[in-house]
């Protein structure tokens, strides 16, 4: 019994010394704590930036250092108009105003859902779209943050070997707003269009969320893409020799909400997100030199 009591006393004493030593080893927290030199990057836009179907996830995961917080508030199916009217912009603005960082940079990319044919989302290219972008820029600055405009990511549709540049006018309108408001511009549309044109229709299909059906890929190899929903030859509803396949109706296959995990010419899988996020990071480092040291191009 004496031996057991001695062991217990020894164990308790050792624990007390360890606790005391641990307490002595702790570094006291300064009051107030020191300021940590870090920035915040907020992404605002549609599904081609969003967490599912866009370049944003790869950008935040692979192209910023631990000294940059990266928050993706882009949402599928949103335009420069309904992103604001549904309340998403108010939520983003609260995040932008929250402070605590040396600087907050807000990347804004719209255009896909501003195009005609999307009720409740479409905006007028000549009036509403540029006015909306200017309002975002002004409100970001008023919140003490720094805006960066991003031209819309290209779609990957082709006709006779040439990329169908259906988003060109919205990209040009974004460039014009950037120039008029002295806002840094990441010209993702120009970069992505050049890259997709260079690789060709068939190679560009690898950027989608899911592989294309065999007959859709075969059509792409001819240099002209067909609607992803086109039935395979021999299936009821498939085009005949006298009725060539039609181009995809983007307004019909780009609904509100998250992008579906299926093949299309707009949304991005992992390979596509990685490829275009690298373009965004490289361009951002050029047009906003102050951010360069926080990026991994």
Protein backbone atom coordinates (compact mmCIF):
# COMPACT_ATOMS: atom_id res chain seq x y z
CA UNK A 1 0.00 0.00 0.00
CA UNK A 2 2.87 2.32 0.89
CA UNK A 3 4.45 1.59 -2.48
CA UNK A 4 1.22 2.39 -4.32
CA UNK A 5 0.79 5.60 -2.37
CA UNK A 6 4.36 6.60 -3.21
CA UNK A 7 3.74 5.96 -6.92
CA UNK A 8 0.54 8.03 -6.82
CA UNK A 9 2.32 10.92 -5.11
CA UNK A 10 5.14 10.77 -7.65
CA UNK A 11 2.66 10.79 -10.56
CA UNK A 12 0.73 13.75 -9.14
CA UNK A 13 3.93 15.69 -8.59
CA UNK A 14 5.11 14.99 -12.14
CA UNK A 15 1.75 16.16 -13.48
CA UNK A 16 1.97 19.36 -11.51
CA UNK A 17 5.46 20.06 -12.81
CA UNK A 18 4.37 19.34 -16.39
CA UNK A 19 1.38 21.65 -16.06
CA UNK A 20 3.53 24.33 -14.53
CA UNK A 21 6.16 23.91 -17.21
CA UNK A 22 3.47 24.00 -19.89
CA UNK A 23 2.07 27.21 -18.44
CA UNK A 24 5.53 28.76 -18.35
CA UNK A 25 6.09 27.70 -22.01
CA UNK A 26 2.97 29.48 -23.27
CA UNK A 27 3.48 32.74 -25.11
CA UNK A 28 1.19 35.48 -23.83
CA UNK A 29 -1.14 37.01 -26.43
CA UNK A 30 -0.46 40.72 -26.93
CA UNK A 31 -3.32 43.03 -26.10
CA UNK A 32 -4.23 44.35 -28.59
CA UNK A 33 -3.00 41.59 -30.94
CA UNK A 34 -0.62 42.65 -33.75
CA UNK A 35 -2.00 43.49 -37.17
CA UNK A 36 -1.60 40.59 -39.60
CA UNK A 37 -0.67 41.64 -43.13
CA UNK A 38 -3.19 39.85 -45.34
CA UNK A 39 -5.69 40.62 -48.11
CA UNK A 40 -9.11 39.33 -49.05
CA UNK A 41 -10.30 38.47 -52.56
CA UNK A 42 -14.04 38.23 -53.19
CA UNK A 43 -15.40 36.66 -56.40
CA UNK A 44 -18.75 37.89 -57.74
CA UNK A 45 -20.39 36.56 -60.89
CA UNK A 46 -22.28 33.70 -62.55
CA UNK A 47 -21.83 29.92 -62.88
CA UNK A 48 -18.63 30.27 -64.92
CA UNK A 49 -17.02 31.68 -61.75
CA UNK A 50 -19.08 29.79 -59.14
CA UNK A 51 -18.11 26.89 -56.91
CA UNK A 52 -19.65 24.33 -59.26
CA UNK A 53 -19.04 24.84 -62.97
CA UNK A 54 -16.64 27.79 -62.85
CA UNK A 55 -12.96 28.73 -62.56
CA UNK A 56 -13.39 30.20 -59.07
CA UNK A 57 -12.86 27.01 -57.02
CA UNK A 58 -9.49 26.34 -58.61
CA UNK A 59 -8.47 30.00 -58.28
CA UNK A 60 -9.18 30.04 -54.55
CA UNK A 61 -7.71 26.59 -53.90
CA UNK A 62 -4.57 26.71 -56.04
CA UNK A 63 -3.67 30.30 -56.90
CA UNK A 64 -3.65 32.29 -53.65
CA UNK A 65 -1.20 32.06 -50.78
CA UNK A 66 -2.16 31.65 -47.12
CA UNK A 67 -1.86 35.44 -46.77
CA UNK A 68 -4.97 35.89 -48.96
CA UNK A 69 -8.48 34.90 -47.95
CA UNK A 70 -10.49 33.95 -51.06
CA UNK A 71 -14.29 33.94 -50.90
CA UNK A 72 -16.38 32.79 -53.87
CA UNK A 73 -19.83 34.43 -53.85
CA UNK A 74 -20.62 33.81 -57.53
CA UNK A 75 -23.90 31.99 -58.25
CA UNK A 76 -25.20 30.01 -61.20
CA UNK A 77 -27.73 31.63 -63.49
CA UNK A 78 -27.10 35.17 -62.29
CA UNK A 79 -26.69 38.24 -64.45
CA UNK A 80 -25.48 41.71 -63.56
CA UNK A 81 -29.15 42.47 -62.89
CA UNK A 82 -30.67 39.63 -60.89
CA UNK A 83 -27.55 39.09 -58.77
CA UNK A 84 -28.48 42.42 -57.23
CA UNK A 85 -32.30 42.16 -57.25
CA UNK A 86 -32.36 38.77 -55.48
CA UNK A 87 -30.18 40.04 -52.63
CA UNK A 88 -26.90 38.31 -53.47
CA UNK A 89 -25.14 41.64 -53.92
CA UNK A 90 -26.27 42.87 -50.49
CA UNK A 91 -24.75 39.73 -48.98
CA UNK A 92 -21.52 40.25 -50.94
CA UNK A 93 -21.37 43.88 -49.92
CA UNK A 94 -21.59 42.92 -46.24
CA UNK A 95 -18.62 40.63 -46.76
CA UNK A 96 -16.72 43.36 -48.61
CA UNK A 97 -17.35 45.84 -45.77
CA UNK A 98 -16.40 43.45 -42.97
CA UNK A 99 -12.83 44.78 -42.82
CA UNK A 100 -9.90 43.37 -40.91
CA UNK A 101 -7.64 42.95 -43.93
CA UNK A 102 -5.06 45.28 -45.42
CA UNK A 103 -7.03 45.39 -48.67
CA UNK A 104 -10.09 43.74 -50.18
CA UNK A 105 -10.22 43.09 -53.92
CA UNK A 106 -13.50 42.24 -55.64
CA UNK A 107 -13.46 40.46 -59.01
CA UNK A 108 -16.72 40.94 -60.94
CA UNK A 109 -17.59 38.81 -64.00
CA UNK A 110 -20.99 38.88 -65.71
CA UNK A 111 -22.31 38.55 -69.25
CA UNK A 112 -23.53 35.00 -69.87
CA UNK A 113 -26.96 35.50 -68.31
CA UNK A 114 -27.24 39.12 -69.40
CA UNK A 115 -27.72 37.86 -72.96
CA UNK A 116 -31.22 37.84 -74.53
CA UNK A 117 -33.55 34.88 -74.05
CA UNK A 118 -33.27 34.50 -70.28
CA UNK A 119 -36.40 36.03 -68.70
CA UNK A 120 -35.79 37.64 -65.33
CA UNK A 121 -32.06 37.70 -66.02
CA UNK A 122 -31.39 39.33 -69.39
CA UNK A 123 -30.28 42.97 -69.41
CA UNK A 124 -30.05 45.50 -72.21
CA UNK A 125 -26.52 45.49 -73.61
CA UNK A 126 -26.46 49.18 -74.48
CA UNK A 127 -27.93 50.56 -71.25
CA UNK A 128 -28.54 48.21 -68.31
CA UNK A 129 -25.44 46.03 -68.50
CA UNK A 130 -22.85 48.83 -68.45
CA UNK A 131 -24.88 50.77 -65.86
CA UNK A 132 -24.95 47.70 -63.62
CA UNK A 133 -21.19 47.21 -63.90
CA UNK A 134 -20.57 50.88 -63.10
CA UNK A 135 -22.80 50.59 -60.02
CA UNK A 136 -20.81 47.59 -58.77
CA UNK A 137 -17.54 49.47 -59.27
CA UNK A 138 -18.82 52.57 -57.45
CA UNK A 139 -20.27 50.62 -54.52
CA UNK A 140 -17.14 48.49 -54.10
CA UNK A 141 -15.05 51.64 -53.87
CA UNK A 142 -17.51 53.27 -51.49
CA UNK A 143 -17.15 50.21 -49.25
CA UNK A 144 -13.40 50.80 -49.09
CA UNK A 145 -12.48 47.92 -51.41
CA UNK A 146 -10.85 47.71 -54.84
CA UNK A 147 -12.83 46.51 -57.89
CA UNK A 148 -11.45 44.41 -60.75
CA UNK A 149 -13.67 43.77 -63.79
CA UNK A 150 -13.40 40.42 -65.58
CA UNK A 151 -14.67 39.89 -69.13
CA UNK A 152 -16.90 36.80 -69.54
CA UNK A 153 -15.31 33.40 -70.09
CA UNK A 154 -15.83 32.19 -73.66
CA UNK A 155 -18.14 29.33 -74.52
CA UNK A 156 -16.56 26.46 -76.45
CA UNK A 157 -18.81 26.20 -79.51
CA UNK A 158 -17.46 26.08 -83.07
CA UNK A 159 -18.68 26.43 -86.61
CA UNK A 160 -16.46 25.34 -89.52
CA UNK A 161 -13.39 25.33 -87.30
CA UNK A 162 -13.95 28.84 -85.93
CA UNK A 163 -14.95 29.65 -82.37
CA UNK A 164 -18.44 31.14 -82.12
CA UNK A 165 -17.81 34.39 -80.27
CA UNK A 166 -21.34 35.04 -79.00
CA UNK A 167 -20.11 36.84 -75.87
CA UNK A 168 -17.87 39.31 -77.69
CA UNK A 169 -20.24 42.31 -77.32
CA UNK A 170 -20.55 41.79 -73.53
CA UNK A 171 -16.78 41.49 -73.24
CA UNK A 172 -16.35 44.73 -75.18
CA UNK A 173 -18.92 46.50 -72.99
CA UNK A 174 -16.98 45.35 -69.90
CA UNK A 175 -13.73 46.68 -71.37
CA UNK A 176 -15.37 50.02 -72.02
CA UNK A 177 -16.68 50.32 -68.46
CA UNK A 178 -13.24 49.43 -67.12
CA UNK A 179 -11.67 52.19 -69.20
CA UNK A 180 -14.32 54.77 -68.27
CA UNK A 181 -14.05 54.04 -64.54
CA UNK A 182 -10.26 53.49 -64.43
CA UNK A 183 -10.83 49.96 -63.12
CA UNK A 184 -8.28 47.16 -63.58
CA UNK A 185 -9.42 44.64 -66.19
CA UNK A 186 -8.75 40.92 -66.42
CA UNK A 187 -9.58 40.19 -70.06
CA UNK A 188 -10.52 36.55 -69.56
CA UNK A 189 -12.67 36.59 -72.68
CA UNK A 190 -9.77 37.49 -74.95
CA UNK A 191 -7.43 34.99 -73.30
CA UNK A 192 -9.91 32.13 -73.16
CA UNK A 193 -11.10 32.72 -76.73
CA UNK A 194 -7.55 32.62 -78.08
CA UNK A 195 -6.75 29.48 -76.09
CA UNK A 196 -9.90 27.60 -77.09
CA UNK A 197 -9.53 28.59 -80.75
CA UNK A 198 -5.94 27.34 -80.75
CA UNK A 199 -6.84 23.94 -79.29
CA UNK A 200 -9.89 23.38 -81.49
CA UNK A 201 -13.40 22.08 -80.89
CA UNK A 202 -12.58 18.46 -80.05
CA UNK A 203 -9.76 19.22 -77.61
CA UNK A 204 -11.86 21.91 -75.87
CA UNK A 205 -14.54 19.34 -74.96
CA UNK A 206 -12.23 18.05 -72.20
CA UNK A 207 -12.94 21.21 -70.18
CA UNK A 208 -16.59 20.31 -69.58
CA UNK A 209 -17.91 18.80 -66.35
CA UNK A 210 -18.52 15.41 -68.00
CA UNK A 211 -17.16 13.81 -71.19
CA UNK A 212 -19.23 14.36 -74.34
CA UNK A 213 -21.27 11.56 -75.90
CA UNK A 214 -19.32 9.80 -78.65
CA UNK A 215 -21.36 11.28 -81.50
CA UNK A 216 -21.04 14.80 -80.03
CA UNK A 217 -17.27 14.41 -79.84
CA UNK A 218 -17.23 13.04 -83.40
CA UNK A 219 -19.08 16.14 -84.61
CA UNK A 220 -16.57 18.35 -82.78
CA UNK A 221 -13.76 16.64 -84.70
CA UNK A 222 -15.28 18.03 -87.89
CA UNK A 223 -14.85 21.57 -86.54
CA UNK A 224 -18.56 22.21 -85.92
CA UNK A 225 -20.12 21.49 -82.53
CA UNK A 226 -23.68 20.25 -82.15
CA UNK A 227 -26.13 20.57 -79.29
CA UNK A 228 -25.07 18.33 -76.41
CA UNK A 229 -28.63 16.95 -76.28
CA UNK A 230 -28.57 15.80 -79.93
CA UNK A 231 -29.65 12.12 -80.07
CA UNK A 232 -27.12 9.61 -81.39
CA UNK A 233 -27.53 8.44 -85.01
CA UNK A 234 -30.26 5.86 -85.34
CA UNK A 235 -32.12 7.13 -82.28
CA UNK A 236 -35.56 8.67 -82.70
CA UNK A 237 -35.23 12.41 -83.18
CA UNK A 238 -31.68 12.26 -84.51
CA UNK A 239 -30.95 14.61 -87.45
CA UNK A 240 -31.06 13.06 -90.90
CA UNK A 241 -28.82 13.73 -93.85
CA UNK A 242 -31.22 16.41 -95.05
CA UNK A 243 -31.55 18.07 -91.62
CA UNK A 244 -28.16 19.07 -90.23
CA UNK A 245 -27.73 19.19 -86.46
CA UNK A 246 -28.53 22.54 -84.91
CA UNK A 247 -26.30 24.60 -82.65
CA UNK A 248 -26.97 24.44 -78.94
CA UNK A 249 -29.51 26.89 -77.54
CA UNK A 250 -27.54 28.28 -74.61
CA UNK A 251 -30.49 30.13 -73.11
CA UNK A 252 -32.33 26.81 -72.82
CA UNK A 253 -29.48 24.80 -71.28
CA UNK A 254 -28.22 27.40 -68.80
CA UNK A 255 -31.00 27.60 -66.21
CA UNK A 256 -30.97 29.31 -62.82
CA UNK A 257 -29.09 27.51 -60.07
CA UNK A 258 -26.00 25.34 -59.99
CA UNK A 259 -24.61 23.88 -63.19
CA UNK A 260 -25.63 20.25 -63.66
CA UNK A 261 -22.89 17.64 -63.79
CA UNK A 262 -23.30 17.00 -67.50
CA UNK A 263 -21.61 17.88 -70.75
CA UNK A 264 -22.10 21.34 -72.23
CA UNK A 265 -20.01 24.04 -73.87
CA UNK A 266 -20.20 26.60 -71.06
CA UNK A 267 -19.47 25.12 -67.65
CA UNK A 268 -16.17 23.77 -66.39
CA UNK A 269 -15.01 20.55 -64.84
CA UNK A 270 -11.78 20.26 -62.89
CA UNK A 271 -9.49 20.43 -65.93
CA UNK A 272 -11.28 23.49 -67.28
CA UNK A 273 -11.36 25.23 -63.91
CA UNK A 274 -7.63 24.66 -63.47
CA UNK A 275 -6.80 25.91 -66.95
CA UNK A 276 -8.80 29.14 -66.83
CA UNK A 277 -8.06 29.91 -63.17
CA UNK A 278 -4.38 29.98 -64.10
CA UNK A 279 -5.17 32.56 -66.80
CA UNK A 280 -7.07 34.71 -64.30
CA UNK A 281 -4.25 34.53 -61.75
CA UNK A 282 -1.60 35.43 -64.32
CA UNK A 283 -3.62 38.38 -65.65
CA UNK A 284 -4.54 39.62 -62.17
CA UNK A 285 -0.87 39.67 -61.19
CA UNK A 286 -0.17 41.88 -64.21
CA UNK A 287 -3.02 44.38 -63.91
CA UNK A 288 -2.90 44.68 -60.09
CA UNK A 289 0.81 44.50 -59.18
CA UNK A 290 0.05 44.95 -55.48
CA UNK A 291 -1.65 41.53 -55.46
CA UNK A 292 1.19 39.69 -57.20
CA UNK A 293 2.93 38.52 -54.03
CA UNK A 294 -0.32 36.98 -52.78
CA UNK A 295 -0.84 34.91 -55.95
CA UNK A 296 0.52 31.65 -57.29
CA UNK A 297 0.23 32.10 -61.10
